[in-house]
Amino acid sequence: MSRIRHIRGSSLATAGAAVTTATLLAAALAPAANADSAPTRATAIENAASVLAAHAANLGLTSAQGTTVRDVVVDKDGAQHVRYDRTYRELPVLGGDFVVHLTRDGSYRGADRATPKAISLAGVTPRLSGAKAAGLAVNALRAANPGEALKKVTAEPRLVVDALHGTPRLAWRTDAVGQDGLGNPVARTVLTDARTGARIDAWDSVETATGDGNSLYGGTVPLETTASGSTYQLKDPTRGNTYTGDAANKTDLCIFGICISRAPATLFTDADNHWGTGTASDRSSAAVDAQYGTDATWDYYKNIHGRNGIAGDGKGSYNRVHYGKNYNNAFWDDSCFCMTYGDGDGSTFGPLVALDVAGHEMSHGVTSKTAALTYSGESGGLNEATSDIFGTMVEWYAGNASDPGDYLIGEKIVRPGFGKPALRFMDKPSKDGNSADCWSSSVGNLDVHYSSGVANHFAYLLSEGSGAKTVGGVAYDSPTCNGATVTGIGHDKVGRIWYRALTVYMTSSTNYAGARTATLNAAKDLYGVGSAEYAAVAAAWSAVSVG
């Protein structure tokens, strides 16, 4: 949480307040001396100091008040805008801020004030103690989080002058903070009348801040972060407090599924809310990709399918990047409800934090909370295909020009040593050398990453249709196993059909025949049994030899 800093500025008297001859001389000479160049920040501050002295009465400034420069903007035409915070008898004034506007030569042009009311109090000694104000704020925090057993609750009251809510008055501004049952931060700021004890206002104060990151694969991307004092945390309060941490190139120690120790997930922080450099040498660049992928996946499920978080409960997961040394993998782990990304060995794979990989891994979490498809046999192939399908849908949904939607899996992370331009190919899965294009009775004996090819092929055909074509600048040529021609219905409809099938009809033992039935039921629910979409689902399954 940010805090109001009350640095005592020079006190101002009335409009005739004394300003040193040197200051006035400097302010008078500066415009002439710099006629051919824009005023500097220092010049703008000097000019504004003269204006404050000359216009103190109009700005409501008195000898009891101090000012501190918060920000300075100098326009291209030389106009200057100096923003101030204000104190009253050394107490910060909420609503005391104002901006003075100056012409290029430093002349006063006008001002914008948070409040036009005069600030004058009978005294600054509270009747309500700080301890009582703290207790009221803690009660307000608990009331704002009903049903939560809050932990580590603290409250810090500070005297302020409130000019935001009518006539200025002495108040306690109290920041009450704690943790919910999951360890996520909760905070509430409560403004209390320091004489009567009445609540003036209250608001949530876990601050979200809009920053940006320079990613490895997606260019510059937006990020929602958490302000914490003078720094920012790579934690997103708008998406269930999902966060990204550094695994410090360590690994988990697990025996028979029981983890004795885990690699860390040390939360990334940043001073200016501009994360990463787009290069692997900056450890936060990979974190930007992971967090961005999490954001895009969260938004896809929420905005397209109405699902609030991976588990549907509004709670966020977390990411670990830089796991192990030269680790050529990424994985979802139900036991920690987290995604983990290796850096790759540099020759076969780069850091495995691409957008479709993030969507893929988080979708394993969705599957585990819905159909829970068993990770072996045909159901295992469907489990993997579900993640490939939704990872692809996330990529299309994000609309990122640096990583546009396609039907290739992991195309951003492969390196020349891998020998192929992607991990998997949905239009013709067998192009990876191992995956199945068509169903047969032996498909269930394949590794789940290869038996997934049947469903991936189905999803491509249902989206785009069969034959040679170029989609989004990528050339595809998808055959059918029965020689028929399939007409696609678009990837958006495929995502909706597969999601309904997964969450409503599939079970842990669903096989390919069951997936055909589940998706036909989903298409019937969404579009009707006589619809073109229903017919296309049936045709696409037949085209991969299912049904």
Protein backbone atom coordinates (compact mmCIF):
# COMPACT_ATOMS: atom_id res chain seq x y z
CA MET A 1 0.00 0.00 0.00
CA SER A 2 1.20 3.45 -0.77
CA ARG A 3 1.53 5.95 2.02
CA ILE A 4 1.04 9.69 1.96
CA ARG A 5 4.39 11.31 2.58
CA HIS A 6 4.23 14.60 4.42
CA ILE A 7 7.50 16.36 3.73
CA ARG A 8 7.39 19.83 5.13
CA GLY A 9 7.74 22.45 2.41
CA SER A 10 8.34 26.13 2.88
CA SER A 11 5.46 27.80 4.71
CA LEU A 12 3.56 30.43 2.80
CA ALA A 13 2.18 33.61 4.22
CA THR A 14 -0.41 35.74 2.48
CA ALA A 15 -0.17 37.02 -1.09
CA GLY A 16 2.60 39.30 0.03
CA ALA A 17 4.77 36.48 1.39
CA ALA A 18 8.47 37.09 1.08
CA VAL A 19 10.36 35.28 -1.62
CA THR A 20 14.10 35.72 -1.77
CA THR A 21 15.47 38.23 -4.21
CA ALA A 22 17.67 35.54 -5.72
CA THR A 23 14.71 33.25 -6.40
CA LEU A 24 12.67 36.03 -7.97
CA LEU A 25 15.64 37.13 -10.05
CA ALA A 26 16.25 33.60 -11.25
CA ALA A 27 12.58 33.16 -12.12
CA ALA A 28 12.57 36.46 -13.98
CA LEU A 29 15.72 35.77 -15.94
CA ALA A 30 15.11 32.06 -16.72
CA PRO A 31 12.52 32.53 -19.50
CA ALA A 32 14.70 35.05 -21.34
CA ALA A 33 17.83 32.98 -20.92
CA ASN A 34 16.12 29.88 -22.28
CA ALA A 35 13.96 31.47 -24.94
CA ASP A 36 15.07 29.00 -27.56
CA SER A 37 14.70 25.83 -25.46
CA ALA A 38 11.92 24.28 -23.44
CA PRO A 39 11.92 25.09 -19.72
CA THR A 40 13.51 22.46 -17.53
CA ARG A 41 11.88 20.78 -14.55
CA ALA A 42 13.92 22.99 -12.23
CA THR A 43 12.85 26.13 -14.11
CA ALA A 44 9.19 25.08 -13.89
CA ILE A 45 9.49 24.57 -10.12
CA GLU A 46 11.13 28.00 -9.71
CA ASN A 47 8.42 29.63 -11.80
CA ALA A 48 5.69 27.88 -9.81
CA ALA A 49 7.24 28.98 -6.50
CA SER A 50 6.88 32.60 -7.59
CA VAL A 51 3.29 31.98 -8.66
CA LEU A 52 2.43 30.39 -5.30
CA ALA A 53 3.74 33.43 -3.49
CA ALA A 54 1.86 35.86 -5.74
CA HIS A 55 -1.42 33.90 -5.78
CA ALA A 56 -1.46 32.32 -2.33
CA ALA A 57 -4.82 33.84 -1.39
CA ASN A 58 -6.50 32.62 -4.57
CA LEU A 59 -5.09 29.14 -4.01
CA GLY A 60 -6.25 29.07 -0.38
CA LEU A 61 -2.71 28.90 0.99
CA THR A 62 -1.88 30.34 4.41
CA SER A 63 1.12 30.41 6.71
CA ALA A 64 -0.20 27.26 8.44
CA GLN A 65 0.19 25.28 5.24
CA GLY A 66 3.14 23.72 3.49
CA THR A 67 3.51 22.41 -0.05
CA THR A 68 5.57 19.69 -1.68
CA VAL A 69 6.04 19.19 -5.41
CA ARG A 70 4.66 15.84 -6.49
CA ASP A 71 5.08 16.01 -10.26
CA VAL A 72 6.10 18.32 -13.11
CA VAL A 73 4.99 18.20 -16.74
CA VAL A 74 6.55 20.44 -19.39
CA ASP A 75 4.69 20.47 -22.73
CA LYS A 76 6.39 20.63 -26.11
CA ASP A 77 5.32 24.27 -26.42
CA GLY A 78 6.97 25.12 -23.09
CA ALA A 79 3.79 25.30 -21.00
CA GLN A 80 4.42 24.04 -17.46
CA HIS A 81 2.20 22.16 -15.02
CA VAL A 82 3.41 21.70 -11.45
CA ARG A 83 1.46 19.41 -9.11
CA TYR A 84 1.59 19.89 -5.33
CA ASP A 85 0.59 18.02 -2.21
CA ARG A 86 -0.38 20.14 0.76
CA THR A 87 0.02 19.91 4.54
CA TYR A 88 -1.77 21.75 7.33
CA ARG A 89 0.24 22.19 10.53
CA GLU A 90 2.46 19.40 9.20
CA LEU A 91 -0.45 16.98 8.73
CA PRO A 92 -1.14 15.67 5.20
CA VAL A 93 -4.30 17.07 3.67
CA LEU A 94 -6.46 14.56 1.81
CA GLY A 95 -7.90 16.54 -1.07
CA GLY A 96 -5.34 19.28 -0.62
CA ASP A 97 -3.53 18.59 -3.88
CA PHE A 98 -3.56 21.10 -6.71
CA VAL A 99 -1.88 21.81 -10.05
CA VAL A 100 -0.68 25.24 -11.19
CA HIS A 101 -0.50 25.92 -14.92
CA LEU A 102 2.09 28.29 -16.37
CA THR A 103 2.78 29.66 -19.82
CA ARG A 104 6.14 29.18 -21.50
CA ASP A 105 7.51 32.37 -19.94
CA GLY A 106 6.42 31.25 -16.45
CA SER A 107 3.30 33.42 -16.19
CA TYR A 108 0.35 32.12 -14.18
CA ARG A 109 -2.36 30.65 -16.38
CA GLY A 110 -4.63 29.00 -13.83
CA ALA A 111 -4.94 26.13 -11.37
CA ASP A 112 -6.91 22.96 -10.73
CA ARG A 113 -7.61 22.18 -7.07
CA ALA A 114 -8.95 18.98 -5.52
CA THR A 115 -11.06 21.15 -3.22
CA PRO A 116 -11.80 24.88 -3.31
CA LYS A 117 -12.70 24.96 0.40
CA ALA A 118 -10.59 26.95 2.84
CA ILE A 119 -8.55 24.74 5.17
CA SER A 120 -8.70 26.00 8.72
CA LEU A 121 -9.20 23.91 11.88
CA ALA A 122 -9.75 24.95 15.48
CA GLY A 123 -7.03 22.51 16.52
CA VAL A 124 -5.18 19.35 15.59
CA THR A 125 -5.54 17.43 18.87
CA PRO A 126 -7.83 14.37 18.45
CA ARG A 127 -10.50 13.38 20.96
CA LEU A 128 -10.59 9.81 19.62
CA SER A 129 -7.40 7.92 20.40
CA GLY A 130 -5.35 6.26 17.69
CA ALA A 131 -5.87 2.87 19.35
CA LYS A 132 -9.65 3.21 19.11
CA ALA A 133 -9.39 4.29 15.49
CA ALA A 134 -7.26 1.20 14.81
CA GLY A 135 -9.85 -1.05 16.44
CA LEU A 136 -12.62 0.43 14.31
CA ALA A 137 -10.56 -0.15 11.17
CA VAL A 138 -9.85 -3.79 12.07
CA ASN A 139 -13.59 -4.33 12.55
CA ALA A 140 -14.21 -2.76 9.15
CA LEU A 141 -11.63 -5.07 7.55
CA ARG A 142 -13.25 -8.15 9.06
CA ALA A 143 -16.71 -6.97 8.01
CA ALA A 144 -15.48 -6.52 4.44
CA ASN A 145 -14.26 -10.15 4.36
CA PRO A 146 -17.18 -12.15 5.80
CA GLY A 147 -16.54 -15.82 6.45
CA GLU A 148 -12.76 -15.41 6.36
CA ALA A 149 -10.61 -16.21 9.36
CA LEU A 150 -8.17 -13.38 8.86
CA LYS A 151 -4.58 -13.76 10.05
CA LYS A 152 -1.75 -11.36 10.87
CA VAL A 153 -4.10 -8.40 11.12
CA THR A 154 -2.48 -5.06 11.94
CA ALA A 155 -3.67 -1.46 11.77
CA GLU A 156 -1.73 1.78 11.52
CA PRO A 157 -3.62 5.03 12.26
CA ARG A 158 -2.27 8.41 11.12
CA LEU A 159 -3.70 11.85 11.72
CA VAL A 160 -4.69 13.73 8.58
CA VAL A 161 -6.87 16.63 7.56
CA ASP A 162 -9.75 15.40 5.44
CA ALA A 163 -10.75 17.91 2.78
CA LEU A 164 -12.33 15.32 0.50
CA HIS A 165 -15.66 14.96 2.28
CA GLY A 166 -17.16 18.39 2.77
CA THR A 167 -15.89 20.85 5.38
CA PRO A 168 -12.26 20.02 6.27
CA ARG A 169 -11.87 18.18 9.58
CA LEU A 170 -9.32 16.30 11.61
CA ALA A 171 -9.40 12.57 10.90
CA TRP A 172 -7.64 9.30 11.47
CA ARG A 173 -6.60 7.52 8.28
CA THR A 174 -6.05 3.90 9.29
CA ASP A 175 -4.62 1.19 7.05
CA ALA A 176 -5.78 -2.22 8.29
CA VAL A 177 -4.04 -5.18 6.64
CA GLY A 178 -4.04 -8.94 7.04
CA GLN A 179 -4.15 -12.25 5.20
CA ASP A 180 -7.08 -14.42 4.23
CA GLY A 181 -7.17 -18.19 4.71
CA LEU A 182 -5.07 -18.73 1.58
CA GLY A 183 -2.41 -16.26 2.65
CA ASN A 184 -3.51 -13.62 0.13
CA PRO A 185 -3.28 -10.00 1.28
CA VAL A 186 -6.43 -8.14 2.32
CA ALA A 187 -6.44 -4.49 3.24
CA ARG A 188 -8.88 -1.69 3.94
CA THR A 189 -8.30 1.99 4.56
CA VAL A 190 -10.74 3.56 6.99
CA LEU A 191 -11.20 7.30 7.47
CA THR A 192 -12.59 8.18 10.90
CA ASP A 193 -13.56 11.56 12.37
CA ALA A 194 -10.89 12.17 15.02
CA ARG A 195 -13.34 14.07 17.25
CA THR A 196 -16.60 12.10 17.01
CA GLY A 197 -15.40 8.63 15.98
CA ALA A 198 -17.84 8.55 13.06
CA ARG A 199 -16.74 6.74 9.95
CA ILE A 200 -16.17 9.16 7.08
CA ASP A 201 -15.21 6.67 4.36
CA ALA A 202 -13.57 3.29 3.75
CA TRP A 203 -12.08 1.56 0.73
CA ASP A 204 -10.12 -1.52 -0.25
CA SER A 205 -6.46 -0.67 -0.41
CA VAL A 206 -4.67 -3.64 -1.89
CA GLU A 207 -3.65 -1.50 -4.79
CA THR A 208 -3.57 -2.77 -8.31
CA ALA A 209 -1.34 -0.96 -10.72
CA THR A 210 -1.29 -1.17 -14.48
CA GLY A 211 2.22 -1.83 -15.69
CA ASP A 212 3.80 -3.46 -18.71
CA GLY A 213 6.42 -6.05 -19.46
CA ASN A 214 8.90 -6.69 -22.26
CA SER A 215 8.44 -10.40 -22.83
CA LEU A 216 10.54 -13.01 -24.59
CA TYR A 217 7.86 -14.01 -27.09
CA GLY A 218 4.92 -11.59 -26.98
CA GLY A 219 6.49 -8.16 -27.28
CA THR A 220 5.44 -5.50 -24.79
CA VAL A 221 2.37 -6.70 -22.92
CA PRO A 222 0.08 -5.15 -20.27
CA LEU A 223 0.28 -6.43 -16.69
CA GLU A 224 -1.86 -5.84 -13.62
CA THR A 225 0.39 -5.79 -10.56
CA THR A 226 0.22 -5.01 -6.86
CA ALA A 227 1.70 -1.82 -5.42
CA SER A 228 3.61 -2.53 -2.22
CA GLY A 229 5.24 0.47 -0.63
CA SER A 230 7.74 1.89 -3.10
CA THR A 231 7.84 -1.26 -5.26
CA TYR A 232 5.51 -3.42 -7.33
CA GLN A 233 4.83 -7.14 -7.05
CA LEU A 234 4.12 -9.41 -10.02
CA LYS A 235 0.83 -10.41 -8.43
CA ASP A 236 -2.54 -9.70 -10.04
CA PRO A 237 -5.35 -8.86 -7.58
CA THR A 238 -7.83 -8.63 -10.48
CA ARG A 239 -7.27 -12.30 -11.33
CA GLY A 240 -7.38 -14.05 -7.98
CA ASN A 241 -3.92 -12.88 -6.86
CA THR A 242 -2.22 -15.03 -9.46
CA TYR A 243 1.50 -14.40 -9.23
CA THR A 244 4.85 -15.36 -10.71
CA GLY A 245 7.93 -16.33 -8.74
CA ASP A 246 11.54 -17.30 -9.36
CA ALA A 247 12.38 -20.98 -8.74
CA ALA A 248 16.07 -20.01 -8.54
CA ASN A 249 17.00 -22.95 -10.84
CA LYS A 250 16.10 -25.40 -8.09
CA THR A 251 13.84 -28.44 -8.34
CA ASP A 252 11.25 -30.25 -6.23
CA LEU A 253 12.24 -33.32 -4.25
CA CYS A 254 9.31 -35.73 -4.47
CA ILE A 255 9.17 -39.46 -3.70
CA PHE A 256 6.16 -41.57 -4.69
CA GLY A 257 4.13 -38.42 -5.28
CA ILE A 258 4.98 -36.91 -1.89
CA CYS A 259 7.08 -33.76 -2.11
CA ILE A 260 9.63 -33.45 0.68
CA SER A 261 10.77 -30.07 -0.54
CA ARG A 262 9.79 -27.74 -3.34
CA ALA A 263 11.67 -25.26 -5.45
CA PRO A 264 10.85 -21.73 -4.31
CA ALA A 265 8.55 -19.27 -6.01
CA THR A 266 10.13 -16.03 -4.84
CA LEU A 267 7.77 -13.27 -5.91
CA PHE A 268 9.19 -10.97 -8.57
CA THR A 269 9.29 -7.28 -7.66
CA ASP A 270 10.13 -4.18 -9.67
CA ALA A 271 10.78 -0.53 -8.88
CA ASP A 272 8.99 1.18 -11.79
CA ASN A 273 6.34 -1.35 -12.93
CA HIS A 274 8.07 -1.82 -16.28
CA TRP A 275 9.17 -5.45 -16.23
CA GLY A 276 11.79 -7.32 -18.22
CA THR A 277 13.96 -6.40 -21.19
CA GLY A 278 12.79 -9.01 -23.67
CA THR A 279 16.05 -10.92 -23.25
CA ALA A 280 16.75 -14.13 -21.37
CA SER A 281 19.59 -12.45 -19.48
CA ASP A 282 16.97 -10.55 -17.46
CA ARG A 283 15.28 -13.14 -15.25
CA SER A 284 12.08 -11.13 -15.11
CA SER A 285 11.55 -11.37 -18.91
CA ALA A 286 10.47 -15.02 -18.64
CA ALA A 287 8.29 -14.03 -15.68
CA VAL A 288 6.53 -11.48 -17.91
CA ASP A 289 5.64 -14.22 -20.41
CA ALA A 290 4.37 -16.54 -17.69
CA GLN A 291 2.25 -13.86 -16.02
CA TYR A 292 0.90 -12.63 -19.35
CA GLY A 293 0.01 -16.19 -20.35
CA THR A 294 -1.79 -16.63 -17.04
CA ASP A 295 -3.71 -13.39 -17.59
CA ALA A 296 -4.72 -14.31 -21.13
CA THR A 297 -5.83 -17.78 -20.07
CA TRP A 298 -7.83 -16.44 -17.12
CA ASP A 299 -9.53 -13.90 -19.41
CA TYR A 300 -10.29 -16.50 -22.09
CA TYR A 301 -12.06 -18.82 -19.68
CA LYS A 302 -13.90 -16.00 -17.94
CA ASN A 303 -14.96 -13.95 -20.95
CA ILE A 304 -15.72 -16.81 -23.33
CA HIS A 305 -16.94 -19.52 -20.97
CA GLY A 306 -17.94 -17.62 -17.84
CA ARG A 307 -15.41 -19.56 -15.74
CA ASN A 308 -13.95 -17.52 -12.88
CA GLY A 309 -10.46 -18.92 -12.48
CA ILE A 310 -9.00 -22.34 -13.14
CA ALA A 311 -11.02 -24.04 -10.42
CA GLY A 312 -14.04 -21.82 -11.06
CA ASP A 313 -13.78 -20.35 -7.56
CA GLY A 314 -12.09 -17.04 -8.35
CA LYS A 315 -8.82 -18.11 -6.75
CA GLY A 316 -5.57 -17.69 -8.61
CA SER A 317 -2.78 -20.17 -9.20
CA TYR A 318 0.88 -19.26 -9.43
CA ASN A 319 3.84 -19.67 -11.76
CA ARG A 320 7.39 -20.77 -11.14
CA VAL A 321 9.94 -19.81 -13.79
CA HIS A 322 13.63 -20.73 -14.04
CA TYR A 323 12.96 -24.23 -12.70
CA GLY A 324 15.98 -26.54 -12.70
CA LYS A 325 18.99 -26.16 -14.95
CA ASN A 326 18.49 -26.41 -18.72
CA TYR A 327 15.13 -28.02 -17.98
CA ASN A 328 13.32 -28.83 -21.24
CA ASN A 329 9.78 -28.96 -19.90
CA ALA A 330 6.82 -27.15 -18.39
CA PHE A 331 4.16 -28.76 -16.26
CA TRP A 332 1.00 -28.23 -14.26
CA ASP A 333 0.91 -29.67 -10.72
CA ASP A 334 -2.47 -30.10 -9.01
CA SER A 335 -0.86 -30.52 -5.61
CA CYS A 336 0.53 -26.98 -5.61
CA PHE A 337 -2.07 -25.58 -8.03
CA CYS A 338 0.77 -24.07 -9.99
CA MET A 339 2.52 -23.94 -13.34
CA THR A 340 6.25 -24.56 -13.62
CA TYR A 341 8.51 -23.58 -16.52
CA GLY A 342 12.03 -24.62 -17.36
CA ASP A 343 14.52 -22.43 -19.23
CA GLY A 344 15.32 -25.03 -21.87
CA ASP A 345 18.81 -26.08 -22.85
CA GLY A 346 19.18 -23.34 -25.46
CA SER A 347 19.77 -25.72 -28.37
CA THR A 348 16.59 -27.83 -28.37
CA PHE A 349 14.29 -25.47 -26.49
CA GLY A 350 14.35 -21.94 -25.20
CA PRO A 351 12.44 -20.90 -22.07
CA LEU A 352 9.12 -22.74 -22.19
CA VAL A 353 6.95 -19.75 -21.28
CA ALA A 354 5.18 -19.15 -24.61
CA LEU A 355 1.52 -18.15 -24.64
CA ASP A 356 0.11 -21.43 -25.97
CA VAL A 357 2.24 -23.39 -23.49
CA ALA A 358 0.82 -21.30 -20.63
CA GLY A 359 -2.72 -21.89 -21.90
CA HIS A 360 -1.95 -25.58 -22.26
CA GLU A 361 -0.63 -25.99 -18.72
CA MET A 362 -3.41 -24.03 -17.02
CA SER A 363 -5.98 -26.02 -18.98
CA HIS A 364 -4.71 -29.18 -17.30
CA GLY A 365 -5.95 -27.52 -14.12
CA VAL A 366 -9.38 -26.92 -15.67
CA THR A 367 -9.56 -30.56 -16.74
CA SER A 368 -8.60 -31.75 -13.26
CA LYS A 369 -11.45 -29.71 -11.76
CA THR A 370 -14.03 -30.89 -14.31
CA ALA A 371 -13.91 -34.19 -16.22
CA ALA A 372 -10.60 -35.23 -14.57
CA LEU A 373 -9.71 -37.32 -17.61
CA THR A 374 -7.44 -40.16 -16.49
CA TYR A 375 -3.91 -39.56 -17.74
CA SER A 376 -3.47 -42.84 -19.59
CA GLY A 377 -4.97 -44.66 -22.57
CA GLU A 378 -7.44 -42.82 -24.77
CA SER A 379 -8.66 -40.64 -21.92
CA GLY A 380 -5.05 -39.52 -21.41
CA GLY A 381 -4.81 -38.54 -25.06
CA LEU A 382 -8.03 -36.56 -24.68
CA ASN A 383 -6.58 -34.90 -21.58
CA GLU A 384 -3.51 -33.75 -23.52
CA ALA A 385 -5.58 -32.75 -26.52
CA THR A 386 -7.85 -30.67 -24.30
CA SER A 387 -4.82 -28.65 -23.23
CA ASP A 388 -3.56 -28.31 -26.80
CA ILE A 389 -7.00 -27.22 -27.99
CA PHE A 390 -7.47 -24.63 -25.26
CA GLY A 391 -3.86 -23.46 -25.45
CA THR A 392 -4.56 -22.77 -29.11
CA MET A 393 -7.85 -21.03 -28.28
CA VAL A 394 -6.05 -18.81 -25.74
CA GLU A 395 -3.52 -17.84 -28.41
CA TRP A 396 -6.30 -16.91 -30.85
CA TYR A 397 -8.19 -15.06 -28.11
CA ALA A 398 -5.20 -12.96 -27.04
CA GLY A 399 -4.75 -11.50 -30.52
CA ASN A 400 -1.08 -10.69 -29.89
CA ALA A 401 0.61 -9.51 -33.10
CA SER A 402 3.97 -10.85 -31.87
CA ASP A 403 2.48 -14.30 -31.25
CA PRO A 404 -0.64 -14.58 -33.42
CA GLY A 405 -3.08 -17.45 -33.28
CA ASP A 406 -2.20 -20.63 -35.19
CA TYR A 407 -2.61 -24.39 -35.06
CA LEU A 408 1.00 -25.08 -34.11
CA ILE A 409 1.88 -26.08 -30.55
CA GLY A 410 5.03 -24.60 -29.00
CA GLU A 411 6.34 -22.95 -32.17
CA LYS A 412 7.91 -20.14 -30.13
CA ILE A 413 9.97 -22.34 -27.82
CA VAL A 414 11.67 -24.72 -30.27
CA ARG A 415 15.28 -24.13 -31.31
CA PRO A 416 17.22 -25.49 -34.33
CA GLY A 417 18.37 -28.54 -32.41
CA PHE A 418 14.78 -29.76 -32.15
CA GLY A 419 14.66 -30.28 -35.90
CA LYS A 420 11.03 -29.25 -36.41
CA PRO A 421 9.26 -25.86 -36.41
CA ALA A 422 6.87 -26.79 -33.57
CA LEU A 423 6.18 -29.44 -30.96
CA ARG A 424 2.91 -30.59 -32.52
CA PHE A 425 0.85 -29.83 -35.64
CA MET A 426 -2.92 -29.89 -35.36
CA ASP A 427 -3.65 -29.95 -39.10
CA LYS A 428 -1.61 -33.14 -39.59
CA PRO A 429 -0.36 -34.42 -36.21
CA SER A 430 1.87 -37.09 -37.77
CA LYS A 431 4.22 -34.34 -39.00
CA ASP A 432 5.90 -34.53 -35.58
CA GLY A 433 6.96 -38.10 -36.42
CA ASN A 434 4.99 -39.78 -33.63
CA SER A 435 1.40 -38.56 -33.30
CA ALA A 436 -1.64 -40.28 -34.75
CA ASP A 437 -3.74 -38.59 -37.42
CA CYS A 438 -6.52 -41.18 -37.26
CA TRP A 439 -8.10 -43.36 -34.61
CA SER A 440 -7.36 -47.09 -34.45
CA SER A 441 -7.76 -49.68 -31.76
CA SER A 442 -4.08 -49.30 -30.86
CA VAL A 443 -4.17 -45.52 -30.28
CA GLY A 444 -4.65 -45.99 -26.54
CA ASN A 445 -1.28 -47.73 -26.35
CA LEU A 446 0.58 -44.61 -27.44
CA ASP A 447 2.09 -42.01 -25.15
CA VAL A 448 -0.68 -39.54 -24.31
CA HIS A 449 1.17 -36.73 -26.13
CA TYR A 450 0.86 -38.77 -29.34
CA SER A 451 -2.58 -40.31 -28.92
CA SER A 452 -3.76 -36.72 -28.49
CA GLY A 453 -3.21 -36.29 -32.23
CA VAL A 454 -6.62 -37.74 -33.10
CA ALA A 455 -8.49 -35.08 -31.12
CA ASN A 456 -6.14 -32.31 -32.24
CA HIS A 457 -6.77 -33.32 -35.86
CA PHE A 458 -10.53 -33.33 -35.20
CA ALA A 459 -10.36 -29.85 -33.66
CA TYR A 460 -8.42 -28.45 -36.63
CA LEU A 461 -10.81 -29.96 -39.20
CA LEU A 462 -13.82 -28.71 -37.27
CA SER A 463 -12.27 -25.22 -37.09
CA GLU A 464 -10.84 -24.76 -40.59
CA GLY A 465 -11.92 -27.71 -42.71
CA SER A 466 -9.85 -30.08 -44.81
CA GLY A 467 -7.38 -29.48 -47.62
CA ALA A 468 -4.65 -26.95 -48.31
CA LYS A 469 -5.10 -23.37 -47.11
CA THR A 470 -3.30 -20.49 -45.47
CA VAL A 471 -4.67 -19.18 -42.18
CA GLY A 472 -3.13 -16.15 -40.51
CA GLY A 473 -0.07 -16.39 -42.74
CA VAL A 474 0.58 -20.07 -41.91
CA ALA A 475 0.18 -22.77 -44.58
CA TYR A 476 -1.76 -25.91 -43.62
CA ASP A 477 -2.77 -29.02 -45.51
CA SER A 478 -5.11 -31.23 -43.52
CA PRO A 479 -6.11 -34.60 -44.97
CA THR A 480 -9.05 -36.71 -43.82
CA CYS A 481 -8.83 -40.37 -42.94
CA ASN A 482 -11.97 -41.26 -44.92
CA GLY A 483 -11.26 -39.14 -47.99
CA ALA A 484 -14.23 -36.87 -47.30
CA THR A 485 -14.23 -33.09 -47.48
CA VAL A 486 -14.91 -31.26 -44.20
CA THR A 487 -16.08 -27.65 -43.92
CA GLY A 488 -14.96 -25.79 -40.80
CA ILE A 489 -17.14 -23.76 -38.42
CA GLY A 490 -14.42 -21.54 -36.93
CA HIS A 491 -12.22 -21.93 -33.85
CA ASP A 492 -14.54 -19.90 -31.57
CA LYS A 493 -17.36 -22.40 -31.94
CA VAL A 494 -14.95 -25.32 -31.54
CA GLY A 495 -13.77 -23.90 -28.21
CA ARG A 496 -17.34 -23.52 -26.97
CA ILE A 497 -18.32 -27.03 -28.02
CA TRP A 498 -15.23 -28.66 -26.48
CA TYR A 499 -15.62 -26.71 -23.22
CA ARG A 500 -19.24 -27.75 -22.79
CA ALA A 501 -18.38 -31.35 -23.63
CA LEU A 502 -15.54 -31.32 -21.08
CA THR A 503 -17.47 -29.68 -18.27
CA VAL A 504 -20.89 -31.26 -18.77
CA TYR A 505 -20.54 -34.65 -20.47
CA MET A 506 -17.02 -36.08 -20.24
CA THR A 507 -15.90 -38.17 -17.26
CA SER A 508 -12.59 -39.55 -16.09
CA SER A 509 -12.90 -42.61 -18.35
CA THR A 510 -14.12 -40.95 -21.54
CA ASN A 511 -12.53 -42.47 -24.63
CA TYR A 512 -12.68 -41.33 -28.26
CA ALA A 513 -16.10 -42.83 -28.87
CA GLY A 514 -17.31 -41.11 -25.70
CA ALA A 515 -15.74 -37.82 -26.82
CA ARG A 516 -17.72 -38.02 -30.07
CA THR A 517 -20.94 -38.46 -28.09
CA ALA A 518 -20.02 -35.70 -25.64
CA THR A 519 -19.22 -33.14 -28.35
CA LEU A 520 -22.38 -34.01 -30.31
CA ASN A 521 -24.41 -33.47 -27.15
CA ALA A 522 -22.63 -30.17 -26.60
CA ALA A 523 -23.29 -29.06 -30.20
CA LYS A 524 -26.95 -30.03 -29.82
CA ASP A 525 -27.19 -27.97 -26.61
CA LEU A 526 -25.50 -24.93 -28.13
CA TYR A 527 -26.75 -24.94 -31.72
CA GLY A 528 -29.50 -27.55 -32.11
CA VAL A 529 -29.55 -31.12 -33.38
CA GLY A 530 -30.36 -30.04 -36.94
CA SER A 531 -27.72 -27.33 -37.08
CA ALA A 532 -24.74 -27.06 -39.41
CA GLU A 533 -22.51 -27.12 -36.32
CA TYR A 534 -23.95 -30.46 -35.16
CA ALA A 535 -23.44 -31.95 -38.61
CA ALA A 536 -19.90 -30.59 -38.78
CA VAL A 537 -18.98 -32.22 -35.46
CA ALA A 538 -20.18 -35.59 -36.75
CA ALA A 539 -18.33 -35.13 -40.04
CA ALA A 540 -15.06 -34.10 -38.36
CA TRP A 541 -15.07 -37.16 -36.09
CA SER A 542 -15.75 -39.43 -39.06
CA ALA A 543 -12.86 -37.74 -40.85
CA VAL A 544 -10.47 -38.97 -38.11
CA SER A 545 -12.06 -42.46 -38.07
CA VAL A 546 -14.08 -42.03 -34.89
CA GLY A 547 -17.69 -43.18 -35.28
